Amino acid sequence: MNLFLLHLLLLAEEMPLQKLDGATKAKVKAALAALLILGFAMALLVWLGARITYRYRHGTSYLRPTPRPGTSDWTPQPLKPGEKFEEE
């Protein structure tokens, strides 16, 4: 689309930016440069926010409760019904 508009402007041999005086031309170029810089800044902030959110969601949290210890071979197991305690 932009290439088509550029082609039409070149055919007319009148570039809109060339018709402006020096001060207005400088303002237009400065506005375009500022728009470009702000676009890159927004993309950078979105990337940074996504990275912080990812690290927050997948990181360790101090607010998570400590998991209860599971059963293992060295802990005494509860007696089942009908079972007697063996003394060593």
N, C-alpha and C. Protein backbone atom coordinates (compact mmCIF):
# COMPACT_ATOMS: atom_id res chain seq x y z
N MET A 1 0.83 -1.19 0.00
CA MET A 1 0.00 0.00 0.00
C MET A 1 0.88 1.26 0.00
N ASN A 2 1.88 1.29 0.85
CA ASN A 2 2.75 2.46 0.92
C ASN A 2 3.54 2.64 -0.37
N LEU A 3 3.93 1.53 -0.98
CA LEU A 3 4.67 1.61 -2.24
C LEU A 3 3.80 2.22 -3.33
N PHE A 4 2.52 1.88 -3.31
CA PHE A 4 1.58 2.43 -4.29
C PHE A 4 1.44 3.95 -4.10
N LEU A 5 1.31 4.39 -2.84
CA LEU A 5 1.20 5.83 -2.58
C LEU A 5 2.47 6.56 -2.98
N LEU A 6 3.62 5.96 -2.70
CA LEU A 6 4.88 6.58 -3.09
C LEU A 6 5.00 6.69 -4.60
N HIS A 7 4.56 5.66 -5.29
CA HIS A 7 4.59 5.68 -6.76
C HIS A 7 3.69 6.80 -7.30
N LEU A 8 2.50 6.95 -6.71
CA LEU A 8 1.61 8.03 -7.14
C LEU A 8 2.23 9.39 -6.88
N LEU A 9 2.89 9.56 -5.77
CA LEU A 9 3.52 10.85 -5.46
C LEU A 9 4.69 11.13 -6.40
N LEU A 10 5.43 10.10 -6.76
CA LEU A 10 6.53 10.30 -7.69
C LEU A 10 6.03 10.62 -9.09
N LEU A 11 4.91 10.05 -9.45
CA LEU A 11 4.34 10.36 -10.75
C LEU A 11 3.88 11.81 -10.81
N ALA A 12 3.36 12.30 -9.73
CA ALA A 12 2.90 13.69 -9.70
C ALA A 12 4.07 14.66 -9.61
N GLU A 13 5.25 14.17 -9.28
CA GLU A 13 6.48 14.95 -9.15
C GLU A 13 6.35 16.08 -8.14
N GLU A 14 5.49 15.90 -7.18
CA GLU A 14 5.34 16.88 -6.12
C GLU A 14 5.35 16.13 -4.79
N MET A 15 6.47 16.15 -4.13
CA MET A 15 6.55 15.52 -2.81
C MET A 15 6.00 16.53 -1.80
N PRO A 16 5.08 16.13 -0.95
CA PRO A 16 4.49 17.08 0.01
C PRO A 16 5.53 17.68 0.96
N LEU A 17 6.53 16.92 1.32
CA LEU A 17 7.53 17.41 2.24
C LEU A 17 8.44 18.45 1.59
N GLN A 18 8.62 18.35 0.28
CA GLN A 18 9.49 19.29 -0.43
C GLN A 18 8.84 20.67 -0.58
N LYS A 19 7.52 20.73 -0.52
CA LYS A 19 6.83 22.01 -0.69
C LYS A 19 6.85 22.86 0.57
N LEU A 20 7.17 22.25 1.71
CA LEU A 20 7.13 22.98 2.97
C LEU A 20 8.37 23.85 3.14
N ASP A 21 8.23 24.87 4.00
CA ASP A 21 9.39 25.70 4.29
C ASP A 21 10.30 24.97 5.28
N GLY A 22 11.46 25.54 5.55
CA GLY A 22 12.48 24.86 6.35
C GLY A 22 12.06 24.54 7.77
N ALA A 23 11.41 25.49 8.44
CA ALA A 23 11.02 25.27 9.84
C ALA A 23 9.95 24.19 9.96
N THR A 24 8.97 24.23 9.08
CA THR A 24 7.90 23.23 9.11
C THR A 24 8.43 21.86 8.73
N LYS A 25 9.35 21.82 7.77
CA LYS A 25 9.95 20.55 7.37
C LYS A 25 10.72 19.94 8.53
N ALA A 26 11.44 20.76 9.29
CA ALA A 26 12.18 20.27 10.45
C ALA A 26 11.23 19.74 11.52
N LYS A 27 10.10 20.43 11.72
CA LYS A 27 9.12 19.96 12.70
C LYS A 27 8.52 18.61 12.30
N VAL A 28 8.22 18.46 11.01
CA VAL A 28 7.65 17.20 10.53
C VAL A 28 8.65 16.06 10.69
N LYS A 29 9.91 16.32 10.33
CA LYS A 29 10.94 15.29 10.49
C LYS A 29 11.17 14.95 11.96
N ALA A 30 11.14 15.94 12.83
CA ALA A 30 11.31 15.69 14.26
C ALA A 30 10.13 14.89 14.81
N ALA A 31 8.92 15.19 14.33
CA ALA A 31 7.75 14.44 14.79
C ALA A 31 7.83 12.98 14.34
N LEU A 32 8.28 12.75 13.10
CA LEU A 32 8.43 11.37 12.62
C LEU A 32 9.51 10.62 13.40
N ALA A 33 10.61 11.30 13.71
CA ALA A 33 11.67 10.67 14.50
C ALA A 33 11.17 10.35 15.91
N ALA A 34 10.43 11.27 16.51
CA ALA A 34 9.88 11.02 17.85
C ALA A 34 8.90 9.86 17.83
N LEU A 35 8.09 9.77 16.78
CA LEU A 35 7.15 8.66 16.65
C LEU A 35 7.88 7.33 16.54
N LEU A 36 8.96 7.32 15.79
CA LEU A 36 9.76 6.11 15.64
C LEU A 36 10.41 5.72 16.97
N ILE A 37 10.97 6.68 17.68
CA ILE A 37 11.60 6.39 18.97
C ILE A 37 10.57 5.91 19.98
N LEU A 38 9.40 6.54 20.01
CA LEU A 38 8.35 6.10 20.93
C LEU A 38 7.86 4.69 20.59
N GLY A 39 7.81 4.36 19.33
CA GLY A 39 7.42 3.01 18.93
C GLY A 39 8.39 1.97 19.44
N PHE A 40 9.70 2.25 19.28
CA PHE A 40 10.71 1.32 19.80
C PHE A 40 10.65 1.24 21.33
N ALA A 41 10.40 2.38 21.98
CA ALA A 41 10.31 2.38 23.45
C ALA A 41 9.11 1.56 23.92
N MET A 42 7.99 1.65 23.21
CA MET A 42 6.82 0.87 23.59
C MET A 42 7.08 -0.62 23.41
N ALA A 43 7.73 -0.99 22.31
CA ALA A 43 8.06 -2.40 22.10
C ALA A 43 9.01 -2.91 23.18
N LEU A 44 9.97 -2.09 23.57
CA LEU A 44 10.90 -2.46 24.64
C LEU A 44 10.18 -2.63 25.96
N LEU A 45 9.26 -1.72 26.28
CA LEU A 45 8.51 -1.84 27.53
C LEU A 45 7.59 -3.06 27.55
N VAL A 46 7.00 -3.38 26.43
CA VAL A 46 6.16 -4.58 26.36
C VAL A 46 7.02 -5.83 26.58
N TRP A 47 8.19 -5.88 25.95
CA TRP A 47 9.09 -7.02 26.14
C TRP A 47 9.53 -7.13 27.59
N LEU A 48 9.88 -6.00 28.20
CA LEU A 48 10.33 -6.01 29.58
C LEU A 48 9.20 -6.43 30.52
N GLY A 49 8.00 -5.94 30.28
CA GLY A 49 6.85 -6.34 31.10
C GLY A 49 6.54 -7.81 30.97
N ALA A 50 6.66 -8.35 29.77
CA ALA A 50 6.41 -9.78 29.57
C ALA A 50 7.47 -10.61 30.29
N ARG A 51 8.71 -10.15 30.26
CA ARG A 51 9.78 -10.88 30.95
C ARG A 51 9.58 -10.86 32.46
N ILE A 52 9.21 -9.71 33.01
CA ILE A 52 8.97 -9.61 34.45
C ILE A 52 7.79 -10.47 34.85
N THR A 53 6.73 -10.46 34.05
CA THR A 53 5.56 -11.28 34.36
C THR A 53 5.91 -12.76 34.31
N TYR A 54 6.72 -13.18 33.33
CA TYR A 54 7.12 -14.58 33.23
C TYR A 54 7.94 -14.99 34.45
N ARG A 55 8.88 -14.13 34.85
CA ARG A 55 9.72 -14.46 36.00
C ARG A 55 8.89 -14.48 37.29
N TYR A 56 7.90 -13.62 37.39
CA TYR A 56 7.03 -13.59 38.57
C TYR A 56 6.19 -14.86 38.66
N ARG A 57 5.66 -15.28 37.52
CA ARG A 57 4.79 -16.46 37.53
C ARG A 57 5.55 -17.76 37.69
N HIS A 58 6.79 -17.85 37.19
CA HIS A 58 7.53 -19.11 37.23
C HIS A 58 8.62 -19.14 38.28
N GLY A 59 8.76 -18.08 39.05
CA GLY A 59 9.81 -18.04 40.06
C GLY A 59 9.34 -18.63 41.37
N THR A 60 10.26 -18.69 42.33
CA THR A 60 9.90 -19.17 43.65
C THR A 60 9.24 -18.04 44.42
N SER A 61 8.23 -18.37 45.15
CA SER A 61 7.52 -17.38 45.92
C SER A 61 7.68 -17.69 47.40
N TYR A 62 7.93 -16.67 48.18
CA TYR A 62 8.05 -16.87 49.63
C TYR A 62 6.70 -17.08 50.28
N LEU A 63 5.65 -16.82 49.56
CA LEU A 63 4.32 -16.96 50.13
C LEU A 63 3.75 -18.36 49.96
N ARG A 64 4.42 -19.21 49.22
CA ARG A 64 3.93 -20.57 49.05
C ARG A 64 4.13 -21.34 50.35
N PRO A 65 3.15 -22.15 50.76
CA PRO A 65 3.34 -22.91 52.00
C PRO A 65 4.39 -24.00 51.82
N THR A 66 5.06 -24.32 52.91
CA THR A 66 6.06 -25.38 52.89
C THR A 66 5.33 -26.71 52.73
N PRO A 67 5.74 -27.54 51.80
CA PRO A 67 5.06 -28.82 51.63
C PRO A 67 5.29 -29.73 52.83
N ARG A 68 4.27 -30.49 53.18
CA ARG A 68 4.37 -31.44 54.29
C ARG A 68 5.28 -32.59 53.87
N PRO A 69 6.10 -33.08 54.81
CA PRO A 69 6.97 -34.21 54.44
C PRO A 69 6.14 -35.46 54.18
N GLY A 70 6.53 -36.17 53.16
CA GLY A 70 5.82 -37.40 52.81
C GLY A 70 6.34 -38.58 53.62
N THR A 71 5.75 -39.72 53.41
CA THR A 71 6.19 -40.92 54.11
C THR A 71 7.45 -41.44 53.46
N SER A 72 8.32 -42.00 54.27
CA SER A 72 9.54 -42.58 53.74
C SER A 72 9.90 -43.80 54.58
N ASP A 73 10.99 -44.47 54.24
CA ASP A 73 11.36 -45.70 54.93
C ASP A 73 11.82 -45.46 56.36
N TRP A 74 12.37 -44.32 56.70
CA TRP A 74 12.91 -44.10 58.02
C TRP A 74 11.92 -43.50 59.00
N THR A 75 10.72 -43.12 58.54
CA THR A 75 9.73 -42.61 59.48
C THR A 75 8.81 -43.74 59.91
N PRO A 76 8.38 -43.72 61.15
CA PRO A 76 7.47 -44.79 61.60
C PRO A 76 6.12 -44.68 60.91
N GLN A 77 5.62 -45.80 60.47
CA GLN A 77 4.34 -45.84 59.78
C GLN A 77 3.24 -46.17 60.80
N PRO A 78 2.05 -45.65 60.59
CA PRO A 78 0.96 -45.98 61.53
C PRO A 78 0.60 -47.46 61.41
N LEU A 79 0.15 -48.00 62.51
CA LEU A 79 -0.25 -49.41 62.52
C LEU A 79 -1.58 -49.58 61.82
N LYS A 80 -1.66 -50.66 61.06
CA LYS A 80 -2.92 -50.98 60.40
C LYS A 80 -3.76 -51.80 61.38
N PRO A 81 -5.07 -51.86 61.18
CA PRO A 81 -5.91 -52.62 62.12
C PRO A 81 -5.47 -54.09 62.18
N GLY A 82 -5.32 -54.62 63.39
CA GLY A 82 -4.91 -56.01 63.59
C GLY A 82 -3.41 -56.21 63.59
N GLU A 83 -2.61 -55.18 63.42
CA GLU A 83 -1.16 -55.28 63.38
C GLU A 83 -0.60 -54.92 64.74
N LYS A 84 0.47 -55.62 65.17
CA LYS A 84 1.05 -55.36 66.49
C LYS A 84 2.40 -54.69 66.31
N PHE A 85 2.79 -53.91 67.32
CA PHE A 85 4.07 -53.21 67.31
C PHE A 85 5.18 -54.18 67.61
N GLU A 86 6.22 -54.21 66.77
CA GLU A 86 7.37 -55.08 66.98
C GLU A 86 8.47 -54.31 67.67
N GLU A 87 8.94 -54.81 68.80
CA GLU A 87 10.03 -54.15 69.48
C GLU A 87 11.33 -54.82 69.12
N GLU A 88 12.38 -54.08 69.01
CA GLU A 88 13.67 -54.64 68.65
C GLU A 88 14.52 -54.87 69.86
